[in-house]
Amino acid sequence: MIKILIVDDEEPIANLIRMNLTRQGYVCTCAYDGQQAADLLEKNPFDLVLLDIMLPKFDGYDLLAYIRPMGIPVIFLTAKSDLNDRVKGLKLGAEDYIVKPFEIVELLARIEVVLRRFNKSQGMIQCLDLLIDMDARDVYQNGKRVDLTRKEFDLLVLFVQNPNTALFRETLFERVWETDYIGETRTLDSHVQRLRRKLGWQDRIRTVHKIGYRLDIPEEE
């Protein structure tokens, strides 16, 4: 299991990030000041640190200097949007720099990139009747392998990582096809239709009028 330390003095933000990452199978711990974070890092192994810059006791830059010898990757999550702050953070050794406010889907994507860079894996994701092997990029439904294309797999992961959330067509297209969305929907729509058919999820992956698609998962499931 991937263990992530979230360091942010705004407790509601830290707890919201923890809730969303926990849903994706990450094991998350929160720290609300630099000293608490340093104590946790001293006593516990972590695979990734999500780090605010403006913190009580030790700021994010000081904490990054403390973390670097440990070899733990760091992503800055901060309201400091000035270019000089971005450059400073990256030069000091952060793997990425994300400015608040941000969409959770973007944060998840950035986390995945950094973890792959450090040869760390999220492993397996369980969702309804599916088991998704993130390393092998295989999907099993009730124990039987489902043959998905690369694009279908990437779409599925996006839906599973954002349950009960309407995802804009622009977001889906840009994340999966890695190119700018120009308003053409046939390619995306046809892939979603095939994914529904292969999984029998016609009633799970819903069309959201004038927005895009949403994976519906009742809370009890």
Protein backbone atom coordinates (compact mmCIF):
# COMPACT_ATOMS: atom_id res chain seq x y z
CA MET A 1 0.00 0.00 0.00
CA ILE A 2 1.23 3.47 -0.89
CA LYS A 3 1.57 5.69 2.20
CA ILE A 4 1.15 9.44 1.73
CA LEU A 5 1.78 12.21 4.28
CA ILE A 6 -0.39 15.30 3.75
CA VAL A 7 1.04 18.43 5.39
CA ASP A 8 -1.29 21.44 5.45
CA ASP A 9 -2.25 23.77 8.31
CA GLU A 10 -5.76 24.16 6.87
CA GLU A 11 -7.31 21.07 8.43
CA PRO A 12 -10.47 20.98 6.25
CA ILE A 13 -8.34 20.98 3.10
CA ALA A 14 -5.97 18.31 4.44
CA ASN A 15 -8.85 16.11 5.54
CA LEU A 16 -10.65 16.52 2.21
CA ILE A 17 -7.51 15.45 0.34
CA ARG A 18 -7.13 12.50 2.71
CA MET A 19 -10.73 11.42 2.13
CA ASN A 20 -10.36 11.51 -1.66
CA LEU A 21 -7.01 9.70 -1.71
CA THR A 22 -8.22 7.07 0.75
CA ARG A 23 -11.05 6.25 -1.67
CA GLN A 24 -8.40 5.41 -4.26
CA GLY A 25 -6.63 2.95 -1.96
CA TYR A 26 -3.87 5.21 -0.62
CA VAL A 27 -3.04 5.14 3.09
CA CYS A 28 -2.95 8.76 4.23
CA THR A 29 -1.78 10.59 7.35
CA CYS A 30 -2.26 14.31 8.00
CA ALA A 31 0.05 16.76 9.74
CA TYR A 32 -1.00 20.34 10.41
CA ASP A 33 2.35 22.02 11.09
CA GLY A 34 5.99 21.52 10.19
CA GLN A 35 7.04 20.09 13.55
CA GLN A 36 4.27 17.47 13.56
CA ALA A 37 5.24 16.48 10.02
CA ALA A 38 8.92 16.12 10.96
CA ASP A 39 7.99 13.94 13.94
CA LEU A 40 5.84 11.69 11.75
CA LEU A 41 8.57 11.40 9.12
CA GLU A 42 11.08 10.44 11.80
CA LYS A 43 8.94 7.56 13.07
CA ASN A 44 7.06 6.31 9.98
CA PRO A 45 7.90 5.32 6.39
CA PHE A 46 6.12 7.28 3.65
CA ASP A 47 6.16 6.91 -0.13
CA LEU A 48 5.13 10.50 -0.91
CA VAL A 49 4.64 13.84 0.85
CA LEU A 50 2.06 16.44 -0.22
CA LEU A 51 3.43 19.63 1.27
CA ASP A 52 2.10 23.14 1.81
CA ILE A 53 4.66 25.97 1.94
CA MET A 54 3.11 28.33 4.49
CA LEU A 55 3.15 26.25 7.69
CA PRO A 56 3.50 27.00 11.40
CA LYS A 57 6.82 26.18 13.13
CA PHE A 58 8.71 25.03 10.00
CA ASP A 59 7.70 26.23 6.56
CA GLY A 60 7.53 23.94 3.56
CA TYR A 61 10.93 24.93 2.23
CA ASP A 62 12.64 24.03 5.53
CA LEU A 63 10.71 20.77 5.71
CA LEU A 64 11.69 19.89 2.14
CA ALA A 65 15.36 20.25 3.11
CA TYR A 66 14.70 17.85 5.99
CA ILE A 67 12.93 15.34 3.72
CA ARG A 68 15.37 15.28 0.82
CA PRO A 69 18.01 13.01 2.47
CA MET A 70 15.23 10.48 3.10
CA GLY A 71 14.66 10.04 -0.63
CA ILE A 72 10.90 10.62 -0.32
CA PRO A 73 9.33 12.49 -3.29
CA VAL A 74 7.53 15.73 -2.47
CA ILE A 75 4.73 17.54 -4.29
CA PHE A 76 4.08 21.11 -3.18
CA LEU A 77 0.38 22.01 -2.77
CA THR A 78 0.25 25.73 -2.12
CA ALA A 79 -1.56 29.00 -2.69
CA LYS A 80 1.75 30.66 -3.60
CA SER A 81 1.31 31.03 -7.34
CA ASP A 82 4.18 33.39 -8.15
CA LEU A 83 6.60 32.06 -10.76
CA ASN A 84 9.57 32.68 -8.46
CA ASP A 85 7.97 30.48 -5.79
CA ARG A 86 7.41 27.70 -8.34
CA VAL A 87 11.00 27.88 -9.54
CA LYS A 88 12.33 27.94 -5.98
CA GLY A 89 10.28 24.91 -4.96
CA LEU A 90 11.38 22.87 -7.96
CA LYS A 91 15.03 23.89 -7.62
CA LEU A 92 14.99 22.86 -3.97
CA GLY A 93 13.99 19.36 -5.04
CA ALA A 94 10.20 19.10 -5.19
CA GLU A 95 8.98 16.71 -7.87
CA ASP A 96 5.96 18.86 -8.72
CA TYR A 97 4.26 22.12 -7.71
CA ILE A 98 0.46 22.45 -7.74
CA VAL A 99 -1.25 25.76 -7.05
CA LYS A 100 -4.46 25.89 -4.98
CA PRO A 101 -7.28 25.63 -5.76
CA PHE A 102 -6.96 22.49 -7.87
CA GLU A 103 -9.21 19.66 -9.05
CA ILE A 104 -8.77 16.33 -7.28
CA VAL A 105 -8.57 14.59 -10.67
CA GLU A 106 -5.47 16.68 -11.47
CA LEU A 107 -3.89 15.88 -8.10
CA LEU A 108 -4.45 12.16 -8.64
CA ALA A 109 -2.83 12.35 -12.06
CA ARG A 110 0.20 14.21 -10.71
CA ILE A 111 0.56 11.70 -7.86
CA GLU A 112 0.48 8.79 -10.31
CA VAL A 113 3.21 10.39 -12.44
CA VAL A 114 5.52 10.96 -9.48
CA LEU A 115 4.96 7.47 -8.07
CA ARG A 116 5.76 5.91 -11.45
CA ARG A 117 8.92 8.03 -11.63
CA PHE A 118 10.02 6.54 -8.31
CA ASN A 119 8.96 2.98 -9.25
CA LYS A 120 6.24 2.95 -6.64
CA SER A 121 2.90 1.35 -7.35
CA GLN A 122 -0.64 1.84 -6.19
CA GLY A 123 -1.13 -1.88 -6.84
CA MET A 124 -4.70 -3.12 -7.02
CA ILE A 125 -7.95 -1.14 -7.00
CA GLN A 126 -11.23 -2.84 -6.09
CA CYS A 127 -14.43 -1.27 -7.44
CA LEU A 128 -17.79 -3.04 -7.39
CA ASP A 129 -17.25 -6.34 -9.26
CA LEU A 130 -13.92 -5.23 -10.74
CA LEU A 131 -10.33 -5.75 -9.66
CA ILE A 132 -7.97 -3.38 -11.46
CA ASP A 133 -4.26 -4.22 -11.58
CA MET A 134 -2.59 -0.85 -12.05
CA ASP A 135 0.86 -2.32 -12.72
CA ALA A 136 -0.15 -4.89 -15.32
CA ARG A 137 -3.01 -2.71 -16.59
CA ASP A 138 -5.34 -5.70 -16.36
CA VAL A 139 -9.00 -5.70 -15.34
CA TYR A 140 -10.84 -8.67 -13.84
CA GLN A 141 -14.60 -8.86 -13.43
CA ASN A 142 -15.78 -11.52 -11.02
CA GLY A 143 -12.43 -13.24 -11.50
CA LYS A 144 -12.53 -13.20 -15.32
CA ARG A 145 -10.16 -10.99 -17.29
CA VAL A 146 -11.80 -8.24 -19.35
CA ASP A 147 -10.01 -7.30 -22.57
CA LEU A 148 -9.75 -3.50 -22.69
CA THR A 149 -7.80 -1.25 -25.02
CA ARG A 150 -5.34 1.25 -23.56
CA LYS A 151 -7.82 4.12 -23.91
CA GLU A 152 -10.66 2.10 -22.39
CA PHE A 153 -8.45 1.18 -19.43
CA ASP A 154 -7.45 4.81 -18.88
CA LEU A 155 -11.09 5.92 -19.05
CA LEU A 156 -12.09 3.25 -16.55
CA VAL A 157 -9.40 4.32 -14.08
CA LEU A 158 -10.55 7.94 -14.32
CA PHE A 159 -14.14 6.94 -13.60
CA VAL A 160 -13.15 4.66 -10.72
CA GLN A 161 -10.93 7.33 -9.17
CA ASN A 162 -13.77 9.86 -9.32
CA PRO A 163 -16.93 7.98 -8.31
CA ASN A 164 -20.25 9.86 -8.31
CA THR A 165 -18.54 12.86 -9.89
CA ALA A 166 -19.55 14.35 -13.23
CA LEU A 167 -16.43 14.51 -15.41
CA PHE A 168 -16.38 16.99 -18.25
CA ARG A 169 -15.76 15.68 -21.74
CA GLU A 170 -12.84 18.10 -21.95
CA THR A 171 -11.22 16.55 -18.86
CA LEU A 172 -11.71 12.98 -20.06
CA PHE A 173 -10.41 13.68 -23.54
CA GLU A 174 -7.37 15.67 -22.43
CA ARG A 175 -6.40 13.13 -19.75
CA VAL A 176 -6.82 10.01 -21.89
CA TRP A 177 -5.78 11.27 -25.32
CA GLU A 178 -3.19 13.71 -23.93
CA THR A 179 -4.12 16.42 -26.38
CA ASP A 180 -6.31 19.52 -26.35
CA TYR A 181 -10.06 19.02 -26.61
CA ILE A 182 -11.39 20.66 -29.79
CA GLY A 183 -15.08 19.90 -29.36
CA GLU A 184 -15.22 16.60 -31.29
CA THR A 185 -17.07 14.03 -29.17
CA ARG A 186 -17.46 10.95 -31.38
CA THR A 187 -14.15 9.37 -30.41
CA LEU A 188 -14.74 9.77 -26.68
CA ASP A 189 -18.40 8.73 -26.88
CA SER A 190 -17.62 5.57 -28.85
CA HIS A 191 -14.96 4.53 -26.33
CA VAL A 192 -17.35 5.09 -23.43
CA GLN A 193 -20.03 3.04 -25.21
CA ARG A 194 -17.60 0.14 -25.74
CA LEU A 195 -16.47 0.32 -22.11
CA ARG A 196 -20.07 0.18 -20.91
CA ARG A 197 -20.78 -2.80 -23.13
CA LYS A 198 -17.68 -4.77 -22.13
CA LEU A 199 -18.36 -4.29 -18.41
CA GLY A 200 -22.14 -4.42 -18.54
CA TRP A 201 -22.10 -1.00 -16.90
CA GLN A 202 -24.76 0.68 -19.05
CA ASP A 203 -26.54 1.74 -15.84
CA ARG A 204 -23.31 2.62 -14.03
CA ILE A 205 -21.57 5.00 -16.42
CA ARG A 206 -24.20 7.69 -16.88
CA THR A 207 -24.35 10.44 -19.46
CA VAL A 208 -24.58 13.87 -17.82
CA HIS A 209 -26.37 16.26 -20.16
CA LYS A 210 -24.10 19.01 -21.56
CA ILE A 211 -21.24 17.96 -19.27
CA GLY A 212 -19.91 14.46 -19.86
CA TYR A 213 -20.10 11.23 -17.87
CA ARG A 214 -20.38 10.02 -14.28
CA LEU A 215 -19.75 6.63 -12.66
CA ASP A 216 -22.60 5.98 -10.21
CA ILE A 217 -21.70 3.90 -7.16
CA PRO A 218 -24.27 3.76 -4.33
CA GLU A 219 -22.66 4.51 -0.96
CA GLU A 220 -23.50 1.09 0.48
CA GLU A 221 -21.50 -0.56 -2.31
